[in-house]
Amino acid sequence: MNAGELQIVNLVKVFGAFRAVDRINLHIPGGEFFSLLGSTGCGKTTILRMIGGFEQPTSGQIVLDGVDLAGTAPNKRRVNTVFQHYALFPHLNVFDNVAFGLRRARVAAGDVKRRVGEALELVHLTGFENRKPAHMSGGQQQRVALARSLVLKPAVLLLDEPLGALDAKLRRHLQVELKALQRQVGITFIYVTHDQEEALTLSDRVAVMSHGRLEQVAPPQQVYEEPATVFVADFLGVSNLMAATAHGADSAGHCRVCVGSFELTAGRGNCDISGDTKITIRPERIRLEPYGSSGENRIPGMIERWVYRGNAIQLIVRLATGTLVDVLIQNTGDTIPFAQGAPVHAYLPVNALRVLVDTGVNGSHIDKGVQSG
């Protein structure tokens, strides 16, 4: 068993009549960068607080390296937390902030100096030992908070939206640094965020949550490219969801679907189902062609408007079915050939069109068993 391996078994947390966490099962291997992603109130921070010992589960188990953490005080767990607002001591300099936990643990002065120096080197703050937090930028304060947690050598580091207070450019820069740091130290990171880009950038695996339950647990590319449920497809990134009627799989294993009066073939997802369902396709996978183009999986439409986004052009297309879809075209510097009001054909490639399961508001696609890496 690798250090920092976490097993969460049938975890439940109830506040009065509200079930904040509903039968969560997870296996997080040691050394993984694991993210809990979801909107406010989905239960992700409550899970983090239970792992850290700041909340007690209503039922279920949290097992770290084979030891059940039930009844273990937060300061006795091999777990540290980095909060969004860092909670640095304003009257202490950087060295004393980072050394605080070591001194409370009565570590020898020589070892304190060495370990603080190593931690500051990890986060590129060597030379800042005498600086007070008030005289540091937000990004530097975040690094001090990381060093203060890492210096104690936890088995698991919990991060509760630690980049949320930073501006967008600095946040993207620190995402890269944080992932590199995690690989360097080899500690299990459990990261809570509502920022989809952040979760996709940082994580080895992502758990998408809704109403206290898991919708999907998978590597970032799989969650984005192969959403398991309507909720995941709609929540993660921009997705074109369309109501459809499925007619089961054909001889190639693809699903025949009807969107309005147009028959399409979907090559991904739950291709063997029949009846009312939803299909999805990402904006960057739709191809626009001149009106009159022939071939399968094409629906006529009209350009309603387009939006310049710098690295890409977003086109809003109203299909002949009445549905509005987003289409993303990479900005290559060439003139966009489709003007507002122009008729087009939208080509929806078979292998980009996915048939989804609609689990409903409180449904969970993966309720049973421990979700393993």
Protein backbone atom coordinates (compact mmCIF):
# COMPACT_ATOMS: atom_id res chain seq x y z
CA MET A 1 0.00 0.00 0.00
CA ASN A 2 1.49 3.37 -1.08
CA ALA A 3 1.72 6.15 1.50
CA GLY A 4 -1.23 8.54 1.23
CA GLU A 5 -3.66 5.92 -0.07
CA LEU A 6 -7.21 6.89 0.85
CA GLN A 7 -10.33 4.74 0.93
CA ILE A 8 -13.72 6.42 1.37
CA VAL A 9 -16.48 3.91 2.00
CA ASN A 10 -20.22 4.70 2.01
CA LEU A 11 -19.56 8.19 3.36
CA VAL A 12 -22.65 10.12 4.46
CA LYS A 13 -23.01 13.54 6.06
CA VAL A 14 -26.41 14.86 7.12
CA PHE A 15 -27.14 18.35 8.46
CA GLY A 16 -30.65 18.19 9.91
CA ALA A 17 -32.90 17.21 7.01
CA PHE A 18 -30.23 18.03 4.42
CA ARG A 19 -28.06 15.21 3.07
CA ALA A 20 -24.87 17.03 2.07
CA VAL A 21 -22.88 13.89 1.20
CA ASP A 22 -24.75 10.81 0.03
CA ARG A 23 -23.00 7.42 0.03
CA ILE A 24 -19.66 8.41 -1.49
CA ASN A 25 -17.26 5.59 -2.36
CA LEU A 26 -13.77 6.44 -3.58
CA HIS A 27 -10.32 4.91 -3.76
CA ILE A 28 -7.52 7.46 -4.16
CA PRO A 29 -4.09 5.83 -4.64
CA GLY A 30 -1.06 7.32 -2.91
CA GLY A 31 0.60 10.11 -4.88
CA GLU A 32 -2.43 10.96 -7.02
CA PHE A 33 -3.61 14.48 -7.77
CA PHE A 34 -7.34 14.05 -7.29
CA SER A 35 -9.92 16.82 -7.73
CA LEU A 36 -13.47 17.16 -6.46
CA LEU A 37 -15.31 19.34 -8.96
CA GLY A 38 -18.79 20.76 -8.64
CA SER A 39 -20.90 23.83 -8.05
CA THR A 40 -21.46 25.46 -4.66
CA GLY A 41 -23.36 23.19 -2.29
CA CYS A 42 -22.60 19.91 -4.07
CA GLY A 43 -20.76 18.46 -1.05
CA LYS A 44 -17.14 18.66 -2.20
CA THR A 45 -15.89 20.89 0.63
CA THR A 46 -17.82 18.83 3.19
CA ILE A 47 -15.91 15.74 2.03
CA LEU A 48 -12.64 17.64 2.35
CA ARG A 49 -13.53 18.75 5.87
CA MET A 50 -14.39 15.19 6.90
CA ILE A 51 -11.05 13.92 5.59
CA GLY A 52 -9.31 16.68 7.53
CA GLY A 53 -11.28 15.94 10.71
CA PHE A 54 -13.11 19.28 10.86
CA GLU A 55 -16.47 17.52 10.34
CA GLN A 56 -17.49 14.08 11.57
CA PRO A 57 -19.26 11.71 9.16
CA THR A 58 -22.83 10.73 9.91
CA SER A 59 -21.85 7.26 8.72
CA GLY A 60 -19.20 5.57 6.60
CA GLN A 61 -15.44 5.26 6.78
CA ILE A 62 -12.38 7.29 5.85
CA VAL A 63 -9.34 5.02 5.80
CA LEU A 64 -5.83 6.44 5.32
CA ASP A 65 -3.07 3.91 4.68
CA GLY A 66 -5.21 1.16 6.22
CA VAL A 67 -6.13 3.13 9.37
CA ASP A 68 -9.71 4.26 9.98
CA LEU A 69 -9.60 7.97 10.88
CA ALA A 70 -12.84 7.86 12.91
CA GLY A 71 -12.30 9.61 16.23
CA THR A 72 -8.84 10.90 15.27
CA ALA A 73 -8.40 14.60 16.02
CA PRO A 74 -7.42 16.87 13.08
CA ASN A 75 -3.96 17.55 14.51
CA LYS A 76 -3.31 13.82 14.90
CA ARG A 77 -4.05 12.97 11.27
CA ARG A 78 -1.29 12.79 8.66
CA VAL A 79 -3.32 15.31 6.71
CA ASN A 80 -2.82 19.05 6.21
CA THR A 81 -5.08 21.64 4.62
CA VAL A 82 -4.39 24.71 2.46
CA PHE A 83 -7.36 27.05 2.58
CA GLN A 84 -8.49 29.61 0.02
CA HIS A 85 -7.53 32.54 2.25
CA TYR A 86 -4.28 30.94 3.48
CA ALA A 87 -4.77 31.83 7.22
CA LEU A 88 -1.20 33.07 7.61
CA PHE A 89 -0.21 34.72 10.87
CA PRO A 90 0.17 38.42 9.96
CA HIS A 91 2.53 39.22 12.86
CA LEU A 92 4.98 36.43 11.90
CA ASN A 93 7.47 36.52 9.08
CA VAL A 94 7.65 33.82 6.40
CA PHE A 95 10.16 31.68 8.29
CA ASP A 96 8.11 31.69 11.49
CA ASN A 97 4.85 31.02 9.64
CA VAL A 98 6.35 27.95 7.98
CA ALA A 99 8.09 26.84 11.19
CA PHE A 100 4.98 27.17 13.37
CA GLY A 101 3.82 23.56 13.13
CA LEU A 102 7.31 22.17 13.56
CA ARG A 103 7.85 24.16 16.74
CA ARG A 104 4.52 23.00 18.15
CA ALA A 105 5.68 19.45 17.49
CA ARG A 106 8.89 20.28 19.42
CA VAL A 107 11.21 19.60 16.50
CA ALA A 108 14.83 20.48 17.29
CA ALA A 109 15.87 24.00 16.23
CA GLY A 110 18.48 22.75 13.78
CA ASP A 111 15.94 20.51 12.06
CA VAL A 112 13.40 23.34 11.97
CA LYS A 113 15.87 25.58 10.12
CA ARG A 114 16.76 22.84 7.65
CA ARG A 115 13.20 21.75 6.94
CA VAL A 116 11.88 25.30 6.58
CA GLY A 117 14.70 26.04 4.14
CA GLU A 118 13.82 22.93 2.10
CA ALA A 119 10.12 23.83 2.05
CA LEU A 120 10.78 27.40 0.93
CA GLU A 121 13.09 26.14 -1.80
CA LEU A 122 10.30 23.84 -3.03
CA VAL A 123 7.95 26.80 -3.48
CA HIS A 124 10.66 29.15 -4.83
CA LEU A 125 10.64 31.51 -1.84
CA THR A 126 14.25 31.20 -0.70
CA GLY A 127 15.34 34.67 0.44
CA PHE A 128 11.86 35.67 1.63
CA GLU A 129 12.35 34.32 5.18
CA ASN A 130 12.07 37.73 6.87
CA ARG A 131 9.17 39.07 4.79
CA LYS A 132 5.77 39.64 6.48
CA PRO A 133 2.63 38.37 4.69
CA ALA A 134 1.29 41.92 4.29
CA HIS A 135 4.30 42.74 2.11
CA MET A 136 3.77 39.81 -0.25
CA SER A 137 1.57 39.27 -3.30
CA GLY A 138 -1.36 36.87 -3.27
CA GLY A 139 0.63 34.29 -5.20
CA GLN A 140 3.53 34.52 -2.77
CA GLN A 141 1.20 34.16 0.21
CA GLN A 142 -0.29 31.06 -1.40
CA ARG A 143 3.21 29.58 -1.68
CA VAL A 144 3.89 30.30 1.98
CA ALA A 145 0.69 28.46 2.89
CA LEU A 146 1.83 25.51 0.77
CA ALA A 147 5.27 25.48 2.38
CA ARG A 148 3.71 25.59 5.87
CA SER A 149 1.69 22.47 5.04
CA LEU A 150 4.41 20.60 3.18
CA VAL A 151 7.05 21.15 5.88
CA LEU A 152 5.09 18.78 8.16
CA LYS A 153 5.38 16.00 5.54
CA PRO A 154 1.72 14.96 5.47
CA ALA A 155 0.57 11.82 3.72
CA VAL A 156 -2.31 13.78 2.16
CA LEU A 157 -2.57 17.48 1.35
CA LEU A 158 -6.08 18.93 1.12
CA LEU A 159 -6.50 22.09 -0.98
CA ASP A 160 -9.76 24.02 -0.67
CA GLU A 161 -9.90 26.29 -3.74
CA PRO A 162 -6.45 27.71 -2.90
CA LEU A 163 -6.20 29.71 -6.15
CA GLY A 164 -9.71 31.16 -6.02
CA ALA A 165 -8.67 34.57 -4.66
CA LEU A 166 -6.05 35.18 -7.39
CA ASP A 167 -6.46 36.93 -10.73
CA ALA A 168 -6.91 34.77 -13.82
CA LYS A 169 -3.38 35.15 -15.25
CA LEU A 170 -1.66 34.35 -11.94
CA ARG A 171 -4.05 31.47 -11.33
CA ARG A 172 -3.12 29.83 -14.64
CA HIS A 173 0.59 30.30 -13.90
CA LEU A 174 0.30 28.76 -10.44
CA GLN A 175 -1.72 25.82 -11.77
CA VAL A 176 1.34 24.71 -13.72
CA GLU A 177 3.62 25.25 -10.72
CA LEU A 178 1.28 23.41 -8.35
CA LYS A 179 1.11 20.34 -10.57
CA ALA A 180 4.91 20.30 -10.94
CA LEU A 181 5.28 20.63 -7.17
CA GLN A 182 2.91 17.73 -6.53
CA ARG A 183 4.89 15.49 -8.87
CA GLN A 184 8.12 16.53 -7.18
CA VAL A 185 7.00 15.80 -3.60
CA GLY A 186 4.89 12.75 -4.48
CA ILE A 187 2.22 13.52 -1.87
CA THR A 188 -1.45 12.75 -2.44
CA PHE A 189 -3.23 16.01 -3.28
CA ILE A 190 -7.01 16.26 -2.93
CA TYR A 191 -8.17 19.46 -4.54
CA VAL A 192 -11.59 21.10 -4.29
CA THR A 193 -12.66 23.50 -7.02
CA HIS A 194 -15.65 24.74 -8.99
CA ASP A 195 -13.32 25.84 -11.81
CA GLN A 196 -13.55 23.31 -14.63
CA GLU A 197 -10.39 24.44 -16.41
CA GLU A 198 -8.47 24.19 -13.16
CA ALA A 199 -9.65 20.61 -12.54
CA LEU A 200 -8.81 19.54 -16.10
CA THR A 201 -5.36 21.16 -15.97
CA LEU A 202 -4.22 19.85 -12.60
CA SER A 203 -5.77 16.46 -12.02
CA ASP A 204 -4.82 12.86 -12.59
CA ARG A 205 -8.50 12.11 -12.00
CA VAL A 206 -11.59 14.25 -11.49
CA ALA A 207 -14.75 13.46 -9.51
CA VAL A 208 -17.71 15.48 -10.77
CA MET A 209 -20.28 15.93 -7.99
CA SER A 210 -23.95 16.94 -7.89
CA HIS A 211 -26.25 17.10 -4.87
CA GLY A 212 -23.85 15.21 -2.63
CA ARG A 213 -23.29 12.33 -5.04
CA LEU A 214 -20.74 11.32 -7.65
CA GLU A 215 -21.75 11.69 -11.28
CA GLN A 216 -18.47 10.52 -12.80
CA VAL A 217 -14.91 9.74 -11.70
CA ALA A 218 -12.32 9.55 -14.48
CA PRO A 219 -9.17 11.15 -15.92
CA PRO A 220 -9.76 14.70 -17.23
CA GLN A 221 -9.75 13.77 -20.90
CA GLN A 222 -12.32 11.03 -20.36
CA VAL A 223 -14.60 13.26 -18.30
CA TYR A 224 -14.51 15.90 -21.02
CA GLU A 225 -14.62 13.67 -24.10
CA GLU A 226 -16.85 10.94 -22.70
CA PRO A 227 -19.28 12.43 -20.14
CA ALA A 228 -21.22 9.64 -18.47
CA THR A 229 -24.41 11.59 -17.80
CA VAL A 230 -26.37 14.59 -19.03
CA PHE A 231 -25.29 16.48 -15.92
CA VAL A 232 -21.57 15.98 -16.59
CA ALA A 233 -21.91 16.93 -20.25
CA ASP A 234 -23.84 20.08 -19.36
CA PHE A 235 -21.62 21.07 -16.40
CA LEU A 236 -18.15 20.49 -17.80
CA GLY A 237 -17.17 22.95 -20.48
CA VAL A 238 -19.57 23.97 -23.23
CA SER A 239 -21.68 21.17 -24.60
CA ASN A 240 -24.44 21.10 -27.19
CA LEU A 241 -27.26 19.02 -25.72
CA MET A 242 -30.13 18.01 -27.98
CA ALA A 243 -33.29 16.04 -27.28
CA ALA A 244 -33.47 12.96 -29.49
CA THR A 245 -35.23 9.67 -30.00
CA ALA A 246 -32.94 6.64 -30.05
CA HIS A 247 -33.65 3.55 -32.13
CA GLY A 248 -31.01 1.17 -30.83
CA ALA A 249 -27.72 0.04 -32.29
CA ASP A 250 -27.07 -0.77 -35.94
CA SER A 251 -24.82 -3.56 -37.23
CA ALA A 252 -21.74 -1.40 -36.59
CA GLY A 253 -22.73 -0.82 -32.97
CA HIS A 254 -23.69 2.80 -33.59
CA CYS A 255 -26.96 4.29 -32.39
CA ARG A 256 -29.58 5.56 -34.82
CA VAL A 257 -31.16 8.74 -33.43
CA CYS A 258 -33.73 11.19 -34.69
CA VAL A 259 -33.47 14.90 -33.92
CA GLY A 260 -36.72 16.33 -35.17
CA SER A 261 -37.11 14.95 -38.69
CA PHE A 262 -33.37 14.42 -39.17
CA GLU A 263 -31.87 10.97 -38.72
CA LEU A 264 -28.31 10.86 -37.36
CA THR A 265 -25.82 8.21 -36.32
CA ALA A 266 -24.11 8.49 -32.94
CA GLY A 267 -20.97 6.48 -32.39
CA ARG A 268 -20.33 7.15 -28.70
CA GLY A 269 -22.09 6.60 -25.41
CA ASN A 270 -25.07 4.37 -24.71
CA CYS A 271 -25.62 3.22 -28.26
CA ASP A 272 -27.90 0.28 -27.46
CA ILE A 273 -30.76 2.25 -25.90
CA SER A 274 -34.13 3.09 -27.45
CA GLY A 275 -36.63 5.83 -26.71
CA ASP A 276 -36.36 9.46 -25.65
CA THR A 277 -32.84 10.48 -24.75
CA LYS A 278 -30.32 13.27 -25.21
CA ILE A 279 -27.29 13.49 -27.43
CA THR A 280 -24.32 15.80 -27.10
CA ILE A 281 -21.44 17.12 -29.14
CA ARG A 282 -18.69 19.58 -28.17
CA PRO A 283 -18.56 22.93 -30.07
CA GLU A 284 -15.07 22.29 -31.44
CA ARG A 285 -16.20 18.99 -33.00
CA ILE A 286 -18.96 20.45 -35.19
CA ARG A 287 -17.89 21.37 -38.72
CA LEU A 288 -19.71 24.02 -40.71
CA GLU A 289 -20.05 23.53 -44.46
CA PRO A 290 -21.63 25.57 -47.24
CA TYR A 291 -25.39 25.15 -47.48
CA GLY A 292 -26.29 22.28 -49.79
CA SER A 293 -23.51 19.94 -48.64
CA SER A 294 -24.55 16.32 -48.84
CA GLY A 295 -23.82 13.28 -46.71
CA GLU A 296 -24.91 11.73 -43.43
CA ASN A 297 -25.12 13.53 -40.09
CA ARG A 298 -25.72 16.93 -41.61
CA ILE A 299 -28.43 19.36 -40.51
CA PRO A 300 -29.13 22.67 -42.26
CA GLY A 301 -29.02 25.84 -40.21
CA MET A 302 -28.32 29.56 -40.18
CA ILE A 303 -25.60 31.65 -38.51
CA GLU A 304 -27.38 33.79 -35.91
CA ARG A 305 -24.28 35.56 -34.61
CA TRP A 306 -20.60 35.11 -34.00
CA VAL A 307 -18.33 36.16 -31.16
CA TYR A 308 -14.62 36.90 -31.40
CA ARG A 309 -12.78 35.19 -28.51
CA GLY A 310 -9.17 35.82 -29.48
CA ASN A 311 -7.84 32.31 -30.00
CA ALA A 312 -11.15 31.10 -31.42
CA ILE A 313 -14.37 32.27 -33.07
CA GLN A 314 -17.64 31.19 -31.46
CA LEU A 315 -20.51 30.83 -33.92
CA ILE A 316 -24.12 30.51 -32.75
CA VAL A 317 -26.05 28.42 -35.26
CA ARG A 318 -29.79 27.84 -35.29
CA LEU A 319 -30.44 24.41 -36.76
CA ALA A 320 -33.50 23.61 -38.86
CA THR A 321 -34.82 21.75 -35.80
CA GLY A 322 -34.99 25.08 -33.94
CA THR A 323 -32.09 24.18 -31.62
CA LEU A 324 -29.28 26.66 -31.05
CA VAL A 325 -25.79 25.14 -31.06
CA ASP A 326 -22.35 26.59 -30.33
CA VAL A 327 -19.63 26.00 -32.90
CA LEU A 328 -16.00 26.82 -32.13
CA ILE A 329 -13.57 27.54 -34.96
CA GLN A 330 -9.86 27.97 -34.24
CA ASN A 331 -8.57 31.43 -35.10
CA THR A 332 -5.91 30.87 -37.75
CA GLY A 333 -5.87 34.50 -38.87
CA ASP A 334 -7.90 33.73 -41.99
CA THR A 335 -11.22 35.37 -42.75
CA ILE A 336 -14.20 33.50 -41.30
CA PRO A 337 -16.19 32.31 -44.33
CA PHE A 338 -19.58 32.43 -42.59
CA ALA A 339 -21.30 35.78 -42.13
CA GLN A 340 -24.22 36.45 -39.81
CA GLY A 341 -27.43 35.26 -41.44
CA ALA A 342 -25.63 32.87 -43.81
CA PRO A 343 -27.23 29.45 -44.44
CA VAL A 344 -24.97 26.50 -43.65
CA HIS A 345 -24.94 22.79 -43.09
CA ALA A 346 -23.70 21.60 -39.70
CA TYR A 347 -21.80 18.33 -39.90
CA LEU A 348 -21.92 16.28 -36.68
CA PRO A 349 -19.29 13.50 -37.05
CA VAL A 350 -20.42 10.05 -35.94
CA ASN A 351 -17.54 9.57 -33.52
CA ALA A 352 -18.13 12.98 -31.92
CA LEU A 353 -21.84 12.47 -31.28
CA ARG A 354 -22.62 10.86 -27.93
CA VAL A 355 -25.82 9.30 -26.55
CA LEU A 356 -26.23 10.14 -22.86
CA VAL A 357 -27.94 8.75 -19.80
CA ASP A 358 -30.18 11.26 -18.02
CA THR A 359 -29.99 10.37 -14.33
CA GLY A 360 -32.16 13.24 -13.17
CA VAL A 361 -31.35 15.91 -10.59
CA ASN A 362 -30.42 13.56 -7.78
CA GLY A 363 -29.28 10.65 -9.88
CA SER A 364 -25.81 9.21 -9.77
CA HIS A 365 -24.28 7.19 -12.54
CA ILE A 366 -21.76 5.56 -10.18
CA ASP A 367 -23.44 5.07 -6.86
CA LYS A 368 -22.21 1.59 -6.06
CA GLY A 369 -18.76 0.36 -5.19
CA VAL A 370 -15.45 2.05 -4.58
CA GLN A 371 -14.24 4.18 -7.49
CA SER A 372 -10.66 3.12 -8.02
CA GLY A 373 -7.75 4.39 -10.01
